[in-house]
PDB file of N, CA and C in Angstrom:
ATOM      1  N   MET A   1      98.795 106.595 224.821  1.00  0.00           N
ATOM      2  CA  MET A   1      98.400 107.910 225.700  1.00  0.00           C
ATOM      3  C   MET A   1      97.365 107.501 226.523  1.00  0.00           C
ATOM      4  N   ASP A   2      97.085 107.900 227.716  1.00  0.00           N
ATOM      5  CA  ASP A   2      96.356 107.776 228.893  1.00  0.00           C
ATOM      6  C   ASP A   2      94.845 108.129 228.518  1.00  0.00           C
ATOM      7  N   VAL A   3      94.004 107.326 228.681  1.00  0.00           N
ATOM      8  CA  VAL A   3      92.398 107.540 228.416  1.00  0.00           C
ATOM      9  C   VAL A   3      92.108 108.614 229.587  1.00  0.00           C
ATOM     10  N   LEU A   4      91.231 109.594 229.205  1.00  0.00           N
ATOM     11  CA  LEU A   4      90.787 110.528 230.366  1.00  0.00           C
ATOM     12  C   LEU A   4      89.922 109.809 231.569  1.00  0.00           C
ATOM     13  N   PRO A   5      90.182 110.051 232.843  1.00  0.00           N
ATOM     14  CA  PRO A   5      89.320 109.151 233.953  1.00  0.00           C
ATOM     15  C   PRO A   5      87.938 109.689 233.652  1.00  0.00           C
ATOM     16  N   ASP A   6      86.828 108.857 234.296  1.00  0.00           N
ATOM     17  CA  ASP A   6      85.672 109.023 234.595  1.00  0.00           C
ATOM     18  C   ASP A   6      85.403 110.239 235.437  1.00  0.00           C
ATOM     19  N   PHE A   7      84.945 111.299 234.968  1.00  0.00           N
ATOM     20  CA  PHE A   7      84.907 112.647 235.823  1.00  0.00           C
ATOM     21  C   PHE A   7      84.277 112.401 236.853  1.00  0.00           C
ATOM     22  N   SER A   8      82.929 111.572 236.630  1.00  0.00           N
ATOM     23  CA  SER A   8      82.130 111.526 237.985  1.00  0.00           C
ATOM     24  C   SER A   8      82.714 110.762 238.952  1.00  0.00           C
ATOM     25  N   THR A   9      83.485 110.115 238.984  1.00  0.00           N
ATOM     26  CA  THR A   9      84.256 109.314 240.040  1.00  0.00           C
ATOM     27  C   THR A   9      85.585 110.315 240.569  1.00  0.00           C
ATOM     28  N   LEU A  10      86.031 111.590 240.008  1.00  0.00           N
ATOM     29  CA  LEU A  10      86.728 112.161 240.789  1.00  0.00           C
ATOM     30  C   LEU A  10      86.428 113.404 241.625  1.00  0.00           C
ATOM     31  N   ASP A  11      86.935 113.642 242.739  1.00  0.00           N
ATOM     32  CA  ASP A  11      86.224 114.956 243.330  1.00  0.00           C
ATOM     33  C   ASP A  11      87.231 115.885 243.074  1.00  0.00           C
ATOM     34  N   ASP A  12      87.082 117.028 243.666  1.00  0.00           N
ATOM     35  CA  ASP A  12      87.755 118.499 243.162  1.00  0.00           C
ATOM     36  C   ASP A  12      89.135 118.128 243.385  1.00  0.00           C
ATOM     37  N   GLU A  13      89.745 117.677 244.523  1.00  0.00           N
ATOM     38  CA  GLU A  13      91.094 117.567 244.820  1.00  0.00           C
ATOM     39  C   GLU A  13      91.936 116.477 243.841  1.00  0.00           C
ATOM     40  N   GLU A  14      91.155 115.502 243.615  1.00  0.00           N
ATOM     41  CA  GLU A  14      91.724 114.574 242.545  1.00  0.00           C
ATOM     42  C   GLU A  14      92.031 115.074 241.253  1.00  0.00           C
ATOM     43  N   LEU A  15      90.792 115.824 240.826  1.00  0.00           N
ATOM     44  CA  LEU A  15      90.858 116.716 239.456  1.00  0.00           C
ATOM     45  C   LEU A  15      92.242 117.393 239.158  1.00  0.00           C
ATOM     46  N   ARG A  16      92.144 118.336 240.493  1.00  0.00           N
ATOM     47  CA  ARG A  16      93.400 119.198 240.680  1.00  0.00           C
ATOM     48  C   ARG A  16      94.646 118.769 240.836  1.00  0.00           C
ATOM     49  N   ARG A  17      94.875 117.369 241.372  1.00  0.00           N
ATOM     50  CA  ARG A  17      95.812 116.526 241.332  1.00  0.00           C
ATOM     51  C   ARG A  17      96.398 116.319 239.644  1.00  0.00           C
ATOM     52  N   LEU A  18      95.532 115.805 239.169  1.00  0.00           N
ATOM     53  CA  LEU A  18      95.517 115.248 237.695  1.00  0.00           C
ATOM     54  C   LEU A  18      96.036 116.396 236.913  1.00  0.00           C
ATOM     55  N   ILE A  19      95.454 117.563 236.962  1.00  0.00           N
ATOM     56  CA  ILE A  19      95.896 118.619 236.407  1.00  0.00           C
ATOM     57  C   ILE A  19      97.278 119.010 236.486  1.00  0.00           C
ATOM     58  N   ASP A  20      97.801 119.071 237.883  1.00  0.00           N
ATOM     59  CA  ASP A  20      99.247 119.490 238.151  1.00  0.00           C
ATOM     60  C   ASP A  20     100.135 118.441 237.639  1.00  0.00           C
ATOM     61  N   GLU A  21      99.615 117.089 237.444  1.00  0.00           N
ATOM     62  CA  GLU A  21     100.458 115.964 236.949  1.00  0.00           C
ATOM     63  C   GLU A  21     100.689 116.273 235.584  1.00  0.00           C
ATOM     64  N   HIS A  22      99.659 116.859 234.820  1.00  0.00           N
ATOM     65  CA  HIS A  22      99.834 116.806 233.113  1.00  0.00           C
ATOM     66  C   HIS A  22     100.659 117.974 233.192  1.00  0.00           C
ATOM     67  N   VAL A  23     100.482 119.234 234.185  1.00  0.00           N
ATOM     68  CA  VAL A  23     101.228 120.526 233.876  1.00  0.00           C
ATOM     69  C   VAL A  23     102.678 120.399 233.884  1.00  0.00           C
ATOM     70  N   ARG A  24     102.808 119.404 234.882  1.00  0.00           N
ATOM     71  CA  ARG A  24     104.206 119.152 235.321  1.00  0.00           C
ATOM     72  C   ARG A  24     104.981 118.366 234.194  1.00  0.00           C
ATOM     73  N   GLU A  25     104.315 117.315 233.611  1.00  0.00           N
ATOM     74  CA  GLU A  25     104.790 116.591 232.523  1.00  0.00           C
ATOM     75  C   GLU A  25     104.896 117.302 231.324  1.00  0.00           C
ATOM     76  N   GLU A  26     104.112 118.257 230.962  1.00  0.00           N
ATOM     77  CA  GLU A  26     104.361 119.096 229.574  1.00  0.00           C
ATOM     78  C   GLU A  26     105.369 120.229 230.050  1.00  0.00           C
ATOM     79  N   GLU A  27     105.477 120.597 230.985  1.00  0.00           N
ATOM     80  CA  GLU A  27     106.891 121.530 231.491  1.00  0.00           C
ATOM     81  C   GLU A  27     108.191 120.446 231.004  1.00  0.00           C
ATOM     82  N   GLU A  28     108.138 119.397 231.682  1.00  0.00           N
ATOM     83  CA  GLU A  28     109.266 118.523 231.463  1.00  0.00           C
ATOM     84  C   GLU A  28     109.587 118.399 229.719  1.00  0.00           C
ATOM     85  N   ILE A  29     108.430 117.788 229.163  1.00  0.00           N
ATOM     86  CA  ILE A  29     108.428 117.680 227.762  1.00  0.00           C
ATOM     87  C   ILE A  29     108.951 118.911 227.109  1.00  0.00           C
ATOM     88  N   SER A  30     108.440 120.272 227.475  1.00  0.00           N
ATOM     89  CA  SER A  30     108.884 121.338 226.875  1.00  0.00           C
ATOM     90  C   SER A  30     110.357 121.888 227.195  1.00  0.00           C
ATOM     91  N   TYR A  31     110.813 121.389 228.217  1.00  0.00           N
ATOM     92  CA  TYR A  31     112.217 121.718 228.653  1.00  0.00           C
ATOM     93  C   TYR A  31     113.143 120.855 227.763  1.00  0.00           C
ATOM     94  N   ARG A  32     112.852 119.616 227.677  1.00  0.00           N
ATOM     95  CA  ARG A  32     113.586 118.481 226.904  1.00  0.00           C
ATOM     96  C   ARG A  32     113.733 119.088 225.287  1.00  0.00           C
ATOM     97  N   ARG A  33     112.712 119.406 224.820  1.00  0.00           N
ATOM     98  CA  ARG A  33     112.386 119.933 223.677  1.00  0.00           C
ATOM     99  C   ARG A  33     113.338 120.906 223.350  1.00  0.00           C
ATOM    100  N   ARG A  34     113.448 122.058 224.406  1.00  0.00           N
ATOM    101  CA  ARG A  34     114.293 123.175 224.048  1.00  0.00           C
ATOM    102  C   ARG A  34     115.694 122.685 224.014  1.00  0.00           C
ATOM    103  N   LEU A  35     115.995 121.771 224.805  1.00  0.00           N
ATOM    104  CA  LEU A  35     117.337 121.235 224.864  1.00  0.00           C
ATOM    105  C   LEU A  35     117.815 120.535 223.392  1.00  0.00           C
ATOM    106  N   LEU A  36     116.850 119.968 222.995  1.00  0.00           N
ATOM    107  CA  LEU A  36     117.054 118.849 221.835  1.00  0.00           C
ATOM    108  C   LEU A  36     117.230 120.291 220.707  1.00  0.00           C
ATOM    109  N   HIS A  37     116.368 121.227 220.656  1.00  0.00           N
ATOM    110  CA  HIS A  37     116.461 122.257 219.496  1.00  0.00           C
ATOM    111  C   HIS A  37     117.823 122.974 219.774  1.00  0.00           C
ATOM    112  N   GLY A  38     118.380 122.977 220.713  1.00  0.00           N
ATOM    113  CA  GLY A  38     119.569 123.812 220.960  1.00  0.00           C
ATOM    114  C   GLY A  38     120.784 122.930 220.518  1.00  0.00           C
ATOM    115  N   ARG A  39     120.756 121.910 220.963  1.00  0.00           N
ATOM    116  CA  ARG A  39     121.807 120.635 220.702  1.00  0.00           C
ATOM    117  C   ARG A  39     121.643 120.625 218.750  1.00  0.00           C
ATOM    118  N   ILE A  40     120.369 120.437 218.559  1.00  0.00           N
ATOM    119  CA  ILE A  40     120.484 120.434 216.847  1.00  0.00           C
ATOM    120  C   ILE A  40     120.919 121.733 216.387  1.00  0.00           C
ATOM    121  N   ASP A  41     120.737 122.962 217.028  1.00  0.00           N
ATOM    122  CA  ASP A  41     121.241 124.344 216.430  1.00  0.00           C
ATOM    123  C   ASP A  41     122.925 124.029 216.525  1.00  0.00           C
ATOM    124  N   ILE A  42     123.479 123.820 217.502  1.00  0.00           N
ATOM    125  CA  ILE A  42     124.899 123.701 217.449  1.00  0.00           C
ATOM    126  C   ILE A  42     125.396 122.865 216.757  1.00  0.00           C
ATOM    127  N   LEU A  43     124.826 121.662 216.351  1.00  0.00           N
ATOM    128  CA  LEU A  43     125.286 120.720 215.578  1.00  0.00           C
ATOM    129  C   LEU A  43     125.217 121.074 213.935  1.00  0.00           C
ATOM    130  N   ARG A  44     124.122 121.630 213.539  1.00  0.00           N
ATOM    131  CA  ARG A  44     123.987 122.344 212.208  1.00  0.00           C
ATOM    132  C   ARG A  44     124.978 123.503 211.952  1.00  0.00           C
ATOM    133  N   ALA A  45     125.143 124.319 213.178  1.00  0.00           N
ATOM    134  CA  ALA A  45     126.115 125.247 212.872  1.00  0.00           C
ATOM    135  C   ALA A  45     127.577 124.815 212.557  1.00  0.00           C
ATOM    136  N   GLU A  46     127.771 123.676 213.291  1.00  0.00           N
ATOM    137  CA  GLU A  46     129.043 123.140 213.072  1.00  0.00           C
ATOM    138  C   GLU A  46     129.300 122.213 211.677  1.00  0.00           C
ATOM    139  N   LEU A  47     128.441 121.729 211.292  1.00  0.00           N
ATOM    140  CA  LEU A  47     128.035 121.200 209.845  1.00  0.00           C
ATOM    141  C   LEU A  47     128.364 122.564 208.776  1.00  0.00           C
ATOM    142  N   VAL A  48     127.541 123.689 209.153  1.00  0.00           N
ATOM    143  CA  VAL A  48     127.856 124.755 208.197  1.00  0.00           C
ATOM    144  C   VAL A  48     129.220 125.121 208.043  1.00  0.00           C
ATOM    145  N   ASP A  49     129.716 125.344 209.223  1.00  0.00           N
ATOM    146  CA  ASP A  49     130.998 126.014 209.213  1.00  0.00           C
ATOM    147  C   ASP A  49     132.201 124.949 208.601  1.00  0.00           C
ATOM    148  N   ARG A  50     131.838 123.544 208.789  1.00  0.00           N
ATOM    149  CA  ARG A  50     132.953 122.655 208.176  1.00  0.00           C
ATOM    150  C   ARG A  50     132.697 122.721 206.656  1.00  0.00           C
ATOM    151  N   ILE A  51     131.559 122.798 206.223  1.00  0.00           N
ATOM    152  CA  ILE A  51     131.256 122.847 204.682  1.00  0.00           C
ATOM    153  C   ILE A  51     131.939 123.980 204.252  1.00  0.00           C
ATOM    154  N   LYS A  52     131.551 125.144 204.781  1.00  0.00           N
ATOM    155  CA  LYS A  52     132.277 126.519 204.108  1.00  0.00           C
ATOM    156  C   LYS A  52     133.703 126.300 204.193  1.00  0.00           C
ATOM    157  N   ARG A  53     134.265 125.832 205.384  1.00  0.00           N
ATOM    158  CA  ARG A  53     135.719 125.565 205.465  1.00  0.00           C
ATOM    159  C   ARG A  53     136.276 124.748 204.186  1.00  0.00           C
ATOM    160  N   ARG A  54     135.628 123.646 204.052  1.00  0.00           N
ATOM    161  CA  ARG A  54     135.978 122.611 203.102  1.00  0.00           C
ATOM    162  C   ARG A  54     135.804 123.330 201.808  1.00  0.00           C
ATOM    163  N   HIS A  55     135.035 123.901 201.421  1.00  0.00           N
ATOM    164  CA  HIS A  55     134.740 124.461 200.124  1.00  0.00           C
ATOM    165  C   HIS A  55     135.613 126.078 200.053  1.00  0.00           C
ATOM    166  N   GLY A  56     136.514 126.204 200.840  1.00  0.00           N
ATOM    167  CA  GLY A  56     137.249 127.300 200.762  1.00  0.00           C
ATOM    168  C   GLY A  56     136.691 128.722 200.571  1.00  0.00           C
ATOM    169  N   GLY A  57     135.830 128.754 201.402  1.00  0.00           N
ATOM    170  CA  GLY A  57     135.073 130.011 201.740  1.00  0.00           C
ATOM    171  C   GLY A  57     135.989 130.967 202.224  1.00  0.00           C
ATOM    172  N   ASP A  58     135.899 132.188 201.974  1.00  0.00           N
ATOM    173  CA  ASP A  58     136.902 133.538 202.362  1.00  0.00           C
ATOM    174  C   ASP A  58     136.302 133.532 204.019  1.00  0.00           C
ATOM    175  N   GLU A  59     135.017 133.553 204.292  1.00  0.00           N
ATOM    176  CA  GLU A  59     134.312 133.850 205.388  1.00  0.00           C
ATOM    177  C   GLU A  59     134.111 132.415 206.089  1.00  0.00           C
ATOM    178  N   THR A  60     134.312 132.469 207.525  1.00  0.00           N
ATOM    179  CA  THR A  60     134.170 131.555 207.998  1.00  0.00           C
ATOM    180  C   THR A  60     133.090 131.626 209.122  1.00  0.00           C
ATOM    181  N   LEU A  61     132.308 130.659 209.426  1.00  0.00           N
ATOM    182  CA  LEU A  61     131.087 130.994 210.332  1.00  0.00           C
ATOM    183  C   LEU A  61     131.815 130.609 211.595  1.00  0.00           C
ATOM    184  N   ALA A  62     132.120 131.486 212.548  1.00  0.00           N
ATOM    185  CA  ALA A  62     132.471 131.431 213.870  1.00  0.00           C
ATOM    186  C   ALA A  62     131.304 130.844 214.844  1.00  0.00           C
ATOM    187  N   VAL A  63     131.425 129.810 215.047  1.00  0.00           N
ATOM    188  CA  VAL A  63     130.494 128.956 216.047  1.00  0.00           C
ATOM    189  C   VAL A  63     131.079 129.353 217.321  1.00  0.00           C
ATOM    190  N   ASP A  64     130.406 130.104 218.154  1.00  0.00           N
ATOM    191  CA  ASP A  64     130.564 130.285 219.459  1.00  0.00           C
ATOM    192  C   ASP A  64     129.957 129.292 220.601  1.00  0.00           C
ATOM    193  N   ILE A  65     130.487 128.155 220.742  1.00  0.00           N
ATOM    194  CA  ILE A  65     129.710 127.062 221.489  1.00  0.00           C
ATOM    195  C   ILE A  65     129.565 127.619 222.995  1.00  0.00           C
ATOM    196  N   ASP A  66     130.430 128.458 223.536  1.00  0.00           N
ATOM    197  CA  ASP A  66     130.009 128.752 224.903  1.00  0.00           C
ATOM    198  C   ASP A  66     128.937 129.782 224.883  1.00  0.00           C
ATOM    199  N   ARG A  67     128.914 130.648 223.894  1.00  0.00           N
ATOM    200  CA  ARG A  67     127.670 131.530 223.870  1.00  0.00           C
ATOM    201  C   ARG A  67     126.370 130.753 223.709  1.00  0.00           C
ATOM    202  N   LEU A  68     126.433 129.622 222.684  1.00  0.00           N
ATOM    203  CA  LEU A  68     125.282 128.832 222.427  1.00  0.00           C
ATOM    204  C   LEU A  68     124.799 128.310 223.603  1.00  0.00           C
ATOM    205  N   THR A  69     125.820 127.795 224.638  1.00  0.00           N
ATOM    206  CA  THR A  69     125.487 127.118 225.507  1.00  0.00           C
ATOM    207  C   THR A  69     124.660 127.928 226.556  1.00  0.00           C
ATOM    208  N   GLU A  70     125.648 129.015 226.520  1.00  0.00           N
ATOM    209  CA  GLU A  70     124.856 130.191 227.712  1.00  0.00           C
ATOM    210  C   GLU A  70     123.338 130.340 227.422  1.00  0.00           C
ATOM    211  N   ILE A  71     123.221 130.677 226.050  1.00  0.00           N
ATOM    212  CA  ILE A  71     121.694 130.884 225.528  1.00  0.00           C
ATOM    213  C   ILE A  71     120.833 129.486 226.073  1.00  0.00           C
ATOM    214  N   LEU A  72     121.285 128.644 225.812  1.00  0.00           N
ATOM    215  CA  LEU A  72     120.309 127.544 226.188  1.00  0.00           C
ATOM    216  C   LEU A  72     120.205 127.072 227.699  1.00  0.00           C
ATOM    217  N   ALA A  73     121.330 127.743 228.218  1.00  0.00           N
ATOM    218  CA  ALA A  73     121.087 127.493 229.765  1.00  0.00           C
ATOM    219  C   ALA A  73     120.303 128.580 230.573  1.00  0.00           C
ATOM    220  N   HIS A  74     120.116 129.614 229.758  1.00  0.00           N
ATOM    221  CA  HIS A  74     119.111 130.454 230.282  1.00  0.00           C
ATOM    222  C   HIS A  74     117.995 130.229 231.212  1.00  0.00           C
ATOM    223  N   LYS A  75     117.172 129.522 230.779  1.00  0.00           N
ATOM    224  CA  LYS A  75     115.884 129.076 231.169  1.00  0.00           C
ATOM    225  C   LYS A  75     116.003 127.732 231.732  1.00  0.00           C
ATOM    226  N   GLY A  76     116.374 127.314 232.900  1.00  0.00           N
ATOM    227  CA  GLY A  76     116.424 126.305 233.858  1.00  0.00           C
ATOM    228  C   GLY A  76     115.272 125.486 233.657  1.00  0.00           C
ATOM    229  N   PRO A  77     115.543 123.998 234.259  1.00  0.00           N
ATOM    230  CA  PRO A  77     114.466 123.229 233.984  1.00  0.00           C
ATOM    231  C   PRO A  77     113.290 123.451 234.799  1.00  0.00           C
ATOM    232  N   PRO A  78     112.131 122.839 234.571  1.00  0.00           N
ATOM    233  CA  PRO A  78     111.110 123.119 235.550  1.00  0.00           C
ATOM    234  C   PRO A  78     111.244 122.607 237.039  1.00  0.00           C
ATOM    235  N   PRO A  79     110.568 123.494 237.860  1.00  0.00           N
ATOM    236  CA  PRO A  79     110.809 122.752 239.168  1.00  0.00           C
ATOM    237  C   PRO A  79     110.547 121.414 239.575  1.00  0.00           C
ATOM    238  N   GLY A  80     111.341 120.717 240.050  1.00  0.00           N
ATOM    239  CA  GLY A  80     111.304 118.978 240.551  1.00  0.00           C
ATOM    240  C   GLY A  80     112.096 118.478 239.236  1.00  0.00           C
ATOM    241  N   LEU A  81     112.296 118.878 238.319  1.00  0.00           N
ATOM    242  CA  LEU A  81     112.747 117.705 237.075  1.00  0.00           C
ATOM    243  C   LEU A  81     113.797 117.228 237.640  1.00  0.00           C
ATOM    244  N   LEU A  82     114.800 117.916 238.100  1.00  0.00           N
ATOM    245  CA  LEU A  82     116.246 117.505 238.369  1.00  0.00           C
ATOM    246  C   LEU A  82     116.133 116.248 239.599  1.00  0.00           C
ATOM    247  N   ASP A  83     114.943 116.446 240.340  1.00  0.00           N
ATOM    248  CA  ASP A  83     114.725 115.915 241.519  1.00  0.00           C
ATOM    249  C   ASP A  83     114.055 114.463 241.321  1.00  0.00           C
ATOM    250  N   ASP A  84     113.542 114.348 239.992  1.00  0.00           N
ATOM    251  CA  ASP A  84     113.050 113.193 239.492  1.00  0.00           C
ATOM    252  C   ASP A  84     114.140 112.130 239.051  1.00  0.00           C
ATOM    253  N   PRO A  85     113.855 110.782 239.506  1.00  0.00           N
ATOM    254  CA  PRO A  85     114.873 109.948 239.110  1.00  0.00           C
ATOM    255  C   PRO A  85     115.003 109.347 237.796  1.00  0.00           C
ATOM    256  N   GLU A  86     113.740 109.408 237.105  1.00  0.00           N
ATOM    257  CA  GLU A  86     113.423 109.086 235.846  1.00  0.00           C
ATOM    258  C   GLU A  86     114.019 110.176 234.764  1.00  0.00           C
ATOM    259  N   ALA A  87     114.364 111.099 235.391  1.00  0.00           N
ATOM    260  CA  ALA A  87     114.643 112.348 234.182  1.00  0.00           C
ATOM    261  C   ALA A  87     116.200 112.227 233.725  1.00  0.00           C
TER     262      ALA A  87
END
């Protein structure tokens, strides 16, 4: 983790730039986290469905992958994330 800069050496514009950089990084991390949580939810739902079917449960858990994908896709990535070659 980066150490905070010496504030006495930064002018207002440099400080704003650093804030903007960190806000963008936080948005990217948050977006990736949401995607991972969605994928985990889909995988867990599939596992539960398999276990229920394996044990002869009368009720099956219908996992609608298209609906879950739609829910996950509702909020897109932060602006500029897809333009980042490292993303």
